[in-house]
N, C-alpha and C. Protein backbone atom coordinates (compact mmCIF):
# COMPACT_ATOMS: atom_id res chain seq x y z
N MET A 1 45.64 -6.06 -55.47
CA MET A 1 44.73 -5.01 -55.10
C MET A 1 44.09 -4.42 -56.35
N GLN A 2 42.84 -4.05 -56.23
CA GLN A 2 42.14 -3.33 -57.28
C GLN A 2 41.68 -1.99 -56.72
N VAL A 3 41.49 -1.02 -57.61
CA VAL A 3 41.10 0.32 -57.16
C VAL A 3 39.90 0.80 -57.97
N ARG A 4 38.92 1.34 -57.25
CA ARG A 4 37.81 2.05 -57.88
C ARG A 4 37.67 3.37 -57.14
N ILE A 5 37.65 4.46 -57.89
CA ILE A 5 37.44 5.79 -57.33
C ILE A 5 35.99 6.13 -57.60
N ALA A 6 35.25 6.47 -56.55
CA ALA A 6 33.81 6.73 -56.71
C ALA A 6 33.47 8.14 -56.22
N ARG A 7 32.56 8.77 -56.94
CA ARG A 7 32.11 10.11 -56.55
C ARG A 7 30.65 10.28 -56.90
N GLN A 8 29.95 10.93 -56.04
CA GLN A 8 28.54 11.25 -56.24
C GLN A 8 28.41 12.49 -57.12
N THR A 9 27.32 12.53 -57.89
CA THR A 9 27.01 13.70 -58.71
C THR A 9 25.51 13.95 -58.67
N GLY A 10 25.14 15.19 -58.88
CA GLY A 10 23.73 15.55 -58.97
C GLY A 10 23.25 15.58 -60.41
N GLN A 11 24.13 15.28 -61.35
CA GLN A 11 23.78 15.32 -62.77
C GLN A 11 24.47 14.17 -63.52
N LEU A 12 24.02 12.98 -63.21
CA LEU A 12 24.68 11.76 -63.69
C LEU A 12 24.80 11.73 -65.22
N ASP A 13 23.73 12.00 -65.94
CA ASP A 13 23.78 11.90 -67.40
C ASP A 13 24.81 12.85 -68.00
N THR A 14 24.87 14.06 -67.49
CA THR A 14 25.81 15.06 -68.01
C THR A 14 27.25 14.67 -67.70
N VAL A 15 27.50 14.18 -66.49
CA VAL A 15 28.85 13.76 -66.11
C VAL A 15 29.27 12.53 -66.92
N VAL A 16 28.36 11.60 -67.12
CA VAL A 16 28.66 10.40 -67.91
C VAL A 16 29.00 10.79 -69.35
N ALA A 17 28.27 11.73 -69.93
CA ALA A 17 28.57 12.18 -71.29
C ALA A 17 29.95 12.84 -71.34
N PHE A 18 30.30 13.60 -70.32
CA PHE A 18 31.61 14.27 -70.29
C PHE A 18 32.75 13.25 -70.27
N TYR A 19 32.70 12.33 -69.32
CA TYR A 19 33.80 11.37 -69.18
C TYR A 19 33.80 10.30 -70.28
N GLY A 20 32.63 9.90 -70.72
CA GLY A 20 32.55 8.86 -71.75
C GLY A 20 32.68 9.41 -73.16
N ASP A 21 31.75 10.27 -73.55
CA ASP A 21 31.72 10.78 -74.92
C ASP A 21 32.84 11.77 -75.20
N ARG A 22 33.10 12.65 -74.26
CA ARG A 22 34.06 13.74 -74.53
C ARG A 22 35.50 13.36 -74.20
N LEU A 23 35.72 12.71 -73.06
CA LEU A 23 37.09 12.32 -72.72
C LEU A 23 37.43 10.92 -73.22
N GLY A 24 36.42 10.18 -73.64
CA GLY A 24 36.67 8.89 -74.27
C GLY A 24 36.95 7.73 -73.34
N LEU A 25 36.58 7.84 -72.06
CA LEU A 25 36.78 6.71 -71.16
C LEU A 25 35.75 5.63 -71.47
N PRO A 26 36.16 4.38 -71.55
CA PRO A 26 35.23 3.31 -71.86
C PRO A 26 34.31 2.98 -70.68
N GLU A 27 33.02 2.96 -70.95
CA GLU A 27 32.05 2.56 -69.93
C GLU A 27 32.12 1.05 -69.77
N ILE A 28 32.21 0.59 -68.50
CA ILE A 28 32.31 -0.86 -68.28
C ILE A 28 31.12 -1.43 -67.52
N ALA A 29 30.35 -0.57 -66.86
CA ALA A 29 29.18 -1.07 -66.13
C ALA A 29 28.23 0.08 -65.85
N ARG A 30 26.98 -0.28 -65.66
CA ARG A 30 25.94 0.70 -65.35
C ARG A 30 24.91 0.01 -64.48
N PHE A 31 24.36 0.73 -63.50
CA PHE A 31 23.33 0.15 -62.66
C PHE A 31 22.30 1.21 -62.30
N THR A 32 21.07 0.76 -62.01
CA THR A 32 20.00 1.65 -61.58
C THR A 32 19.26 1.01 -60.42
N GLY A 33 18.80 1.87 -59.53
CA GLY A 33 17.99 1.42 -58.42
C GLY A 33 18.67 0.46 -57.46
N HIS A 34 19.96 0.57 -57.31
CA HIS A 34 20.69 -0.30 -56.38
C HIS A 34 20.71 0.36 -55.00
N ASP A 35 19.78 -0.03 -54.14
CA ASP A 35 19.65 0.55 -52.80
C ASP A 35 19.56 2.07 -52.85
N GLY A 36 18.85 2.59 -53.87
CA GLY A 36 18.65 4.02 -54.00
C GLY A 36 19.72 4.74 -54.80
N TYR A 37 20.62 3.99 -55.40
CA TYR A 37 21.70 4.59 -56.20
C TYR A 37 21.61 4.16 -57.66
N ASP A 38 21.93 5.09 -58.55
CA ASP A 38 22.19 4.81 -59.95
C ASP A 38 23.67 5.10 -60.16
N GLY A 39 24.29 4.43 -61.11
CA GLY A 39 25.70 4.70 -61.33
C GLY A 39 26.24 4.17 -62.62
N VAL A 40 27.41 4.71 -62.96
CA VAL A 40 28.13 4.30 -64.16
C VAL A 40 29.61 4.19 -63.80
N MET A 41 30.25 3.13 -64.30
CA MET A 41 31.68 2.92 -64.07
C MET A 41 32.42 2.99 -65.40
N PHE A 42 33.57 3.65 -65.33
CA PHE A 42 34.46 3.78 -66.48
C PHE A 42 35.77 3.09 -66.20
N ASP A 43 36.36 2.52 -67.25
CA ASP A 43 37.70 1.99 -67.16
C ASP A 43 38.69 3.14 -67.31
N LEU A 44 39.77 3.08 -66.57
CA LEU A 44 40.90 3.99 -66.76
C LEU A 44 41.96 3.16 -67.47
N PRO A 45 41.96 3.18 -68.81
CA PRO A 45 42.78 2.26 -69.60
C PRO A 45 44.24 2.23 -69.17
N GLY A 46 44.75 1.01 -69.10
CA GLY A 46 46.15 0.81 -68.76
C GLY A 46 46.46 0.85 -67.28
N THR A 47 45.44 1.05 -66.44
CA THR A 47 45.69 1.18 -65.00
C THR A 47 45.11 0.05 -64.17
N GLY A 48 44.10 -0.62 -64.68
CA GLY A 48 43.40 -1.60 -63.87
C GLY A 48 42.45 -0.95 -62.86
N ALA A 49 42.32 0.37 -62.92
CA ALA A 49 41.46 1.10 -61.99
C ALA A 49 40.17 1.53 -62.71
N HIS A 50 39.16 1.81 -61.91
CA HIS A 50 37.86 2.23 -62.43
C HIS A 50 37.46 3.56 -61.80
N LEU A 51 36.68 4.31 -62.54
CA LEU A 51 36.12 5.57 -62.08
C LEU A 51 34.61 5.42 -62.08
N GLU A 52 33.98 5.65 -60.92
CA GLU A 52 32.54 5.43 -60.79
C GLU A 52 31.86 6.73 -60.39
N PHE A 53 30.72 6.99 -61.03
CA PHE A 53 29.89 8.13 -60.65
C PHE A 53 28.53 7.60 -60.24
N THR A 54 28.03 8.09 -59.11
CA THR A 54 26.74 7.65 -58.61
C THR A 54 25.83 8.84 -58.39
N ALA A 55 24.53 8.55 -58.37
CA ALA A 55 23.53 9.57 -58.07
C ALA A 55 22.51 8.96 -57.12
N THR A 56 22.08 9.75 -56.16
CA THR A 56 21.06 9.34 -55.21
C THR A 56 20.35 10.59 -54.72
N THR A 57 19.21 10.40 -54.08
CA THR A 57 18.48 11.56 -53.58
C THR A 57 18.64 11.76 -52.08
N HIS A 58 19.25 10.81 -51.39
CA HIS A 58 19.32 10.93 -49.93
C HIS A 58 20.64 11.50 -49.40
N VAL A 59 21.59 11.80 -50.31
CA VAL A 59 22.86 12.40 -49.90
C VAL A 59 23.19 13.50 -50.91
N ASP A 60 23.59 14.66 -50.42
CA ASP A 60 23.99 15.74 -51.31
C ASP A 60 25.36 15.44 -51.93
N PRO A 61 25.54 15.78 -53.21
CA PRO A 61 26.84 15.58 -53.85
C PRO A 61 27.91 16.46 -53.20
N PRO A 62 29.16 16.06 -53.29
CA PRO A 62 30.24 16.88 -52.74
C PRO A 62 30.45 18.15 -53.55
N ARG A 63 31.07 19.12 -52.93
CA ARG A 63 31.43 20.35 -53.63
C ARG A 63 32.90 20.29 -54.02
N PRO A 64 33.23 20.76 -55.21
CA PRO A 64 34.62 20.71 -55.66
C PRO A 64 35.51 21.70 -54.92
N HIS A 65 36.78 21.37 -54.86
CA HIS A 65 37.82 22.23 -54.30
C HIS A 65 38.94 22.30 -55.34
N VAL A 66 39.67 23.40 -55.38
CA VAL A 66 40.70 23.58 -56.41
C VAL A 66 41.81 22.54 -56.33
N GLU A 67 41.95 21.86 -55.21
CA GLU A 67 42.99 20.83 -55.08
C GLU A 67 42.43 19.41 -55.24
N ASP A 68 41.14 19.26 -55.55
CA ASP A 68 40.58 17.96 -55.89
C ASP A 68 40.88 17.72 -57.36
N LEU A 69 41.81 16.84 -57.65
CA LEU A 69 42.25 16.64 -59.03
C LEU A 69 42.14 15.18 -59.44
N LEU A 70 41.67 14.97 -60.65
CA LEU A 70 41.82 13.70 -61.33
C LEU A 70 42.88 13.96 -62.39
N VAL A 71 44.01 13.28 -62.29
CA VAL A 71 45.12 13.51 -63.21
C VAL A 71 45.21 12.34 -64.17
N LEU A 72 45.10 12.64 -65.46
CA LEU A 72 45.17 11.62 -66.49
C LEU A 72 46.42 11.87 -67.33
N TYR A 73 47.32 10.91 -67.32
CA TYR A 73 48.57 10.99 -68.09
C TYR A 73 48.28 10.43 -69.48
N LEU A 74 48.33 11.29 -70.49
CA LEU A 74 47.90 10.91 -71.82
C LEU A 74 49.04 10.63 -72.79
N GLY A 75 50.26 10.95 -72.41
CA GLY A 75 51.40 10.58 -73.24
C GLY A 75 51.96 11.66 -74.12
N ASP A 76 51.10 12.48 -74.73
CA ASP A 76 51.64 13.50 -75.65
C ASP A 76 50.69 14.70 -75.72
N ARG A 77 51.25 15.80 -76.20
CA ARG A 77 50.50 17.06 -76.26
C ARG A 77 49.37 17.01 -77.28
N GLU A 78 49.56 16.30 -78.37
CA GLU A 78 48.51 16.21 -79.38
C GLU A 78 47.24 15.59 -78.79
N THR A 79 47.39 14.53 -78.02
CA THR A 79 46.24 13.88 -77.39
C THR A 79 45.58 14.82 -76.38
N VAL A 80 46.39 15.54 -75.61
CA VAL A 80 45.84 16.52 -74.67
C VAL A 80 45.01 17.55 -75.42
N ASP A 81 45.57 18.13 -76.46
CA ASP A 81 44.87 19.18 -77.22
C ASP A 81 43.57 18.65 -77.82
N GLN A 82 43.59 17.41 -78.32
CA GLN A 82 42.38 16.83 -78.89
C GLN A 82 41.29 16.67 -77.84
N LEU A 83 41.68 16.19 -76.65
CA LEU A 83 40.68 15.98 -75.60
C LEU A 83 40.16 17.30 -75.03
N VAL A 84 41.02 18.28 -74.92
CA VAL A 84 40.55 19.60 -74.46
C VAL A 84 39.50 20.13 -75.44
N ALA A 85 39.79 20.04 -76.72
CA ALA A 85 38.84 20.52 -77.73
C ALA A 85 37.55 19.72 -77.68
N ARG A 86 37.66 18.40 -77.59
CA ARG A 86 36.48 17.53 -77.57
C ARG A 86 35.66 17.69 -76.30
N SER A 87 36.32 18.05 -75.19
CA SER A 87 35.63 18.17 -73.91
C SER A 87 34.65 19.34 -73.90
N GLY A 88 34.95 20.38 -74.69
CA GLY A 88 34.12 21.57 -74.66
C GLY A 88 34.35 22.43 -73.43
N ALA A 89 35.32 22.06 -72.60
CA ALA A 89 35.61 22.79 -71.37
C ALA A 89 36.76 23.76 -71.60
N ASP A 90 36.65 24.93 -71.03
CA ASP A 90 37.74 25.90 -71.12
C ASP A 90 38.81 25.55 -70.10
N PRO A 91 40.08 25.65 -70.49
CA PRO A 91 41.16 25.44 -69.53
C PRO A 91 41.09 26.46 -68.38
N VAL A 92 41.48 26.01 -67.19
CA VAL A 92 41.55 26.88 -66.02
C VAL A 92 42.96 26.79 -65.44
N ALA A 93 43.37 27.85 -64.77
CA ALA A 93 44.68 27.84 -64.12
C ALA A 93 44.61 26.91 -62.92
N SER A 94 45.65 26.13 -62.73
CA SER A 94 45.72 25.24 -61.57
C SER A 94 46.18 26.02 -60.34
N ALA A 95 45.73 25.58 -59.19
CA ALA A 95 46.21 26.17 -57.94
C ALA A 95 47.69 25.87 -57.77
N ASN A 96 48.11 24.68 -58.18
CA ASN A 96 49.52 24.29 -58.15
C ASN A 96 50.09 24.52 -59.55
N PRO A 97 51.01 25.46 -59.71
CA PRO A 97 51.52 25.79 -61.05
C PRO A 97 52.20 24.63 -61.77
N TYR A 98 52.60 23.61 -61.04
CA TYR A 98 53.22 22.44 -61.68
C TYR A 98 52.33 21.87 -62.76
N TRP A 99 51.02 21.78 -62.47
CA TRP A 99 50.10 21.16 -63.43
C TRP A 99 49.98 21.98 -64.70
N ASP A 100 50.13 23.30 -64.62
CA ASP A 100 50.11 24.13 -65.82
C ASP A 100 51.37 23.93 -66.66
N GLU A 101 52.45 23.52 -66.03
CA GLU A 101 53.71 23.28 -66.75
C GLU A 101 53.66 21.98 -67.54
N VAL A 102 52.95 20.98 -67.02
CA VAL A 102 52.98 19.66 -67.65
C VAL A 102 51.70 19.28 -68.39
N GLY A 103 50.66 20.10 -68.26
CA GLY A 103 49.40 19.74 -68.89
C GLY A 103 48.41 20.86 -68.91
N VAL A 104 47.16 20.49 -69.06
CA VAL A 104 46.06 21.44 -69.12
C VAL A 104 45.00 20.98 -68.12
N THR A 105 44.50 21.93 -67.35
CA THR A 105 43.44 21.62 -66.38
C THR A 105 42.11 22.12 -66.91
N ILE A 106 41.10 21.25 -66.86
CA ILE A 106 39.73 21.61 -67.23
C ILE A 106 38.82 21.22 -66.07
N THR A 107 37.57 21.63 -66.14
CA THR A 107 36.62 21.22 -65.10
C THR A 107 35.52 20.37 -65.73
N ASP A 108 35.08 19.39 -64.95
CA ASP A 108 33.97 18.56 -65.41
C ASP A 108 32.66 19.30 -65.12
N PRO A 109 31.51 18.76 -65.51
CA PRO A 109 30.25 19.46 -65.32
C PRO A 109 29.92 19.79 -63.85
N ASP A 110 30.50 19.05 -62.91
CA ASP A 110 30.28 19.33 -61.49
C ASP A 110 31.26 20.37 -60.95
N GLY A 111 32.23 20.78 -61.76
CA GLY A 111 33.23 21.74 -61.32
C GLY A 111 34.49 21.12 -60.77
N PHE A 112 34.59 19.79 -60.78
CA PHE A 112 35.81 19.13 -60.34
C PHE A 112 36.86 19.23 -61.43
N ARG A 113 38.11 19.33 -61.04
CA ARG A 113 39.20 19.55 -61.98
C ARG A 113 39.79 18.24 -62.49
N VAL A 114 40.07 18.25 -63.79
CA VAL A 114 40.70 17.14 -64.47
C VAL A 114 41.95 17.69 -65.12
N VAL A 115 43.10 17.12 -64.79
CA VAL A 115 44.36 17.55 -65.38
C VAL A 115 44.74 16.54 -66.47
N LEU A 116 44.91 17.05 -67.67
CA LEU A 116 45.31 16.22 -68.80
C LEU A 116 46.79 16.47 -69.03
N VAL A 117 47.62 15.48 -68.75
CA VAL A 117 49.06 15.63 -68.79
C VAL A 117 49.63 15.09 -70.09
N ALA A 118 50.50 15.89 -70.68
CA ALA A 118 51.12 15.52 -71.96
C ALA A 118 52.43 14.75 -71.70
N GLY A 119 52.30 13.65 -71.03
CA GLY A 119 53.46 12.83 -70.71
C GLY A 119 52.99 11.60 -69.97
N SER A 120 53.95 10.86 -69.44
CA SER A 120 53.61 9.70 -68.62
C SER A 120 54.24 9.85 -67.25
N TRP A 121 53.66 9.14 -66.33
CA TRP A 121 54.15 9.21 -64.96
C TRP A 121 55.24 8.16 -64.81
N GLY A 122 56.38 8.63 -64.34
CA GLY A 122 57.51 7.72 -64.21
C GLY A 122 57.68 7.11 -62.85
N GLY A 123 56.86 7.50 -61.89
CA GLY A 123 56.93 6.90 -60.58
C GLY A 123 57.95 7.45 -59.76
């Protein structure tokens, strides 16, 4: 099985800069004008999964909710701190206090929450 997580945005260039330039996810594909959609896909290193952002004019982008989380396990606190600083995003309190205990939550340009965890997931 392969996994791709896809989400629509109303500001593709800004979101792509956030995830690619600021969080350092490698861009693996880009497309324009595909049945009315433009998009960019990022690799989630070490997972075999991809993160895709699309933009179109015929569907409104989703609205964020405090429990919509993208959780990235980064391995150590130094990496978390570096990415928080590079992201330019201010940390926000998580709705679930567990995430504040194990990492830092920031928001992407669309207001969706990204949790940067200073550890690895043990399953």
